[in-house]
Amino acid sequence: KRQYVARQIMLEDYKWGKKEFTCINRLWTKESNWNYKAHNYRSGAHGIPQALPAKKMALISSDWRTNPVTQIRWGLRYVDERYSSPCKAWSKFKRSRFY
């Protein structure tokens, strides 16, 4: 399951635990419902993390269109670099409806 994969990557790569997983789960459930095919036709945002532009996920791998794990890895990296934690990204989303 995608949430399980995300939880494992979060723990191994970022040392983020249960609280942070709760935040990323809420965030990505709102953004895409964890659907790697999710696409916002107005903005062009794509995938589980709703990357904009979507091709940014190629930084992780060229299979970003079809591989949920690539999207999860990119999304967690983005959250870490931009907000330092999923709960900070979730707080931003709650204020503005984007992150």
C-alpha atoms as a PDB file:
ATOM      1  CA  LYS A   1       0.000   0.000   0.000  1.00  0.00           C
ATOM      2  CA  ARG A   2       1.227   3.500  -0.834  1.00  0.00           C
ATOM      3  CA  GLN A   3       0.838   4.801   2.716  1.00  0.00           C
ATOM      4  CA  TYR A   4       2.946   1.925   4.048  1.00  0.00           C
ATOM      5  CA  VAL A   5       5.706   2.689   1.526  1.00  0.00           C
ATOM      6  CA  ALA A   6       5.611   6.373   2.457  1.00  0.00           C
ATOM      7  CA  ARG A   7       5.793   5.544   6.170  1.00  0.00           C
ATOM      8  CA  GLN A   8       8.870   3.344   5.611  1.00  0.00           C
ATOM      9  CA  ILE A   9      10.664   5.978   3.498  1.00  0.00           C
ATOM     10  CA  MET A  10       9.797   8.682   6.028  1.00  0.00           C
ATOM     11  CA  LEU A  11      11.240   6.647   8.877  1.00  0.00           C
ATOM     12  CA  GLU A  12      14.366   5.426   7.073  1.00  0.00           C
ATOM     13  CA  ASP A  13      15.310   8.541   5.090  1.00  0.00           C
ATOM     14  CA  TYR A  14      14.006  11.380   7.267  1.00  0.00           C
ATOM     15  CA  LYS A  15      13.504   9.878  10.755  1.00  0.00           C
ATOM     16  CA  TRP A  16       9.892  11.138  10.726  1.00  0.00           C
ATOM     17  CA  GLY A  17       7.508   9.167  12.924  1.00  0.00           C
ATOM     18  CA  LYS A  18       3.791   8.659  13.419  1.00  0.00           C
ATOM     19  CA  LYS A  19       2.858  12.320  13.951  1.00  0.00           C
ATOM     20  CA  GLU A  20       4.533  13.386  10.711  1.00  0.00           C
ATOM     21  CA  PHE A  21       2.963  10.479   8.854  1.00  0.00           C
ATOM     22  CA  THR A  22      -0.469  11.628  10.039  1.00  0.00           C
ATOM     23  CA  CYS A  23       0.245  15.034   8.498  1.00  0.00           C
ATOM     24  CA  ILE A  24       1.482  13.708   5.137  1.00  0.00           C
ATOM     25  CA  ASN A  25      -1.469  11.327   5.018  1.00  0.00           C
ATOM     26  CA  ARG A  26      -3.924  14.198   5.546  1.00  0.00           C
ATOM     27  CA  LEU A  27      -2.096  16.370   3.024  1.00  0.00           C
ATOM     28  CA  TRP A  28      -1.871  13.837   0.229  1.00  0.00           C
ATOM     29  CA  THR A  29      -5.367  12.498   0.865  1.00  0.00           C
ATOM     30  CA  LYS A  30      -6.658  16.047   0.256  1.00  0.00           C
ATOM     31  CA  GLU A  31      -4.356  16.659  -2.708  1.00  0.00           C
ATOM     32  CA  SER A  32      -4.714  13.410  -4.652  1.00  0.00           C
ATOM     33  CA  ASN A  33      -6.254  10.701  -2.460  1.00  0.00           C
ATOM     34  CA  TRP A  34      -2.886   8.951  -2.955  1.00  0.00           C
ATOM     35  CA  ASN A  35      -3.669   8.489  -6.666  1.00  0.00           C
ATOM     36  CA  TYR A  36      -0.524   8.544  -8.789  1.00  0.00           C
ATOM     37  CA  LYS A  37      -2.678   9.413 -11.832  1.00  0.00           C
ATOM     38  CA  ALA A  38      -4.318  12.430 -10.142  1.00  0.00           C
ATOM     39  CA  HIS A  39      -4.109  15.494 -12.379  1.00  0.00           C
ATOM     40  CA  ASN A  40      -5.310  19.042 -11.894  1.00  0.00           C
ATOM     41  CA  TYR A  41      -6.242  20.280 -15.356  1.00  0.00           C
ATOM     42  CA  ARG A  42      -6.399  23.906 -14.222  1.00  0.00           C
ATOM     43  CA  SER A  43      -2.897  24.066 -12.761  1.00  0.00           C
ATOM     44  CA  GLY A  44      -1.172  21.068 -14.348  1.00  0.00           C
ATOM     45  CA  ALA A  45      -0.227  19.658 -10.921  1.00  0.00           C
ATOM     46  CA  HIS A  46       0.167  15.900 -11.045  1.00  0.00           C
ATOM     47  CA  GLY A  47       0.506  12.752  -8.977  1.00  0.00           C
ATOM     48  CA  ILE A  48       0.324  11.888  -5.304  1.00  0.00           C
ATOM     49  CA  PRO A  49       2.140  15.068  -4.172  1.00  0.00           C
ATOM     50  CA  GLN A  50       0.548  17.212  -6.930  1.00  0.00           C
ATOM     51  CA  ALA A  51       3.929  18.352  -8.265  1.00  0.00           C
ATOM     52  CA  LEU A  52       3.914  21.536 -10.303  1.00  0.00           C
ATOM     53  CA  PRO A  53       5.247  21.291 -12.905  1.00  0.00           C
ATOM     54  CA  ALA A  54       4.871  17.531 -12.873  1.00  0.00           C
ATOM     55  CA  LYS A  55       8.126  16.915 -14.722  1.00  0.00           C
ATOM     56  CA  LYS A  56      10.053  18.063 -11.624  1.00  0.00           C
ATOM     57  CA  MET A  57       9.562  14.507 -10.352  1.00  0.00           C
ATOM     58  CA  ALA A  58      11.995  13.312 -13.041  1.00  0.00           C
ATOM     59  CA  LEU A  59      14.667  14.429 -10.561  1.00  0.00           C
ATOM     60  CA  ILE A  60      13.995  11.124  -8.771  1.00  0.00           C
ATOM     61  CA  SER A  61      13.348   8.917 -11.820  1.00  0.00           C
ATOM     62  CA  SER A  62      12.080   9.022 -15.385  1.00  0.00           C
ATOM     63  CA  ASP A  63       9.186   6.717 -14.427  1.00  0.00           C
ATOM     64  CA  TRP A  64       7.437   9.484 -12.443  1.00  0.00           C
ATOM     65  CA  ARG A  65       4.256   9.251 -14.545  1.00  0.00           C
ATOM     66  CA  THR A  66       3.612   5.613 -13.629  1.00  0.00           C
ATOM     67  CA  ASN A  67       5.503   4.864 -10.404  1.00  0.00           C
ATOM     68  CA  PRO A  68       3.847   5.886  -7.130  1.00  0.00           C
ATOM     69  CA  VAL A  69       7.089   5.259  -5.209  1.00  0.00           C
ATOM     70  CA  THR A  70       8.949   7.793  -7.377  1.00  0.00           C
ATOM     71  CA  GLN A  71       6.189  10.324  -6.682  1.00  0.00           C
ATOM     72  CA  ILE A  72       6.294   9.610  -2.945  1.00  0.00           C
ATOM     73  CA  ARG A  73      10.093   9.961  -2.850  1.00  0.00           C
ATOM     74  CA  TRP A  74       9.934  13.258  -4.743  1.00  0.00           C
ATOM     75  CA  GLY A  75       7.093  14.555  -2.559  1.00  0.00           C
ATOM     76  CA  LEU A  76       8.858  13.771   0.699  1.00  0.00           C
ATOM     77  CA  ARG A  77      12.053  15.402  -0.566  1.00  0.00           C
ATOM     78  CA  TYR A  78      10.080  18.504  -1.581  1.00  0.00           C
ATOM     79  CA  VAL A  79       8.379  18.679   1.833  1.00  0.00           C
ATOM     80  CA  ASP A  80      11.721  18.273   3.621  1.00  0.00           C
ATOM     81  CA  GLU A  81      13.481  20.945   1.558  1.00  0.00           C
ATOM     82  CA  ARG A  82      10.639  23.477   1.527  1.00  0.00           C
ATOM     83  CA  TYR A  83       8.977  23.023   4.929  1.00  0.00           C
ATOM     84  CA  SER A  84      11.356  20.766   6.933  1.00  0.00           C
ATOM     85  CA  SER A  85       8.456  18.522   7.995  1.00  0.00           C
ATOM     86  CA  PRO A  86       5.113  17.166   6.784  1.00  0.00           C
ATOM     87  CA  CYS A  87       3.256  18.862   9.649  1.00  0.00           C
ATOM     88  CA  LYS A  88       4.627  22.263   8.615  1.00  0.00           C
ATOM     89  CA  ALA A  89       3.550  21.547   5.018  1.00  0.00           C
ATOM     90  CA  TRP A  90       0.095  20.510   6.280  1.00  0.00           C
ATOM     91  CA  SER A  91      -0.191  23.758   8.268  1.00  0.00           C
ATOM     92  CA  LYS A  92       0.647  25.724   5.114  1.00  0.00           C
ATOM     93  CA  PHE A  93      -1.958  23.763   3.150  1.00  0.00           C
ATOM     94  CA  LYS A  94      -4.642  24.426   5.761  1.00  0.00           C
ATOM     95  CA  ARG A  95      -3.976  28.172   5.510  1.00  0.00           C
ATOM     96  CA  SER A  96      -3.818  28.465   1.724  1.00  0.00           C
ATOM     97  CA  ARG A  97      -5.143  25.246   0.118  1.00  0.00           C
ATOM     98  CA  PHE A  98      -1.761  24.584  -1.487  1.00  0.00           C
ATOM     99  CA  TYR A  99       1.734  23.779  -0.307  1.00  0.00           C
END
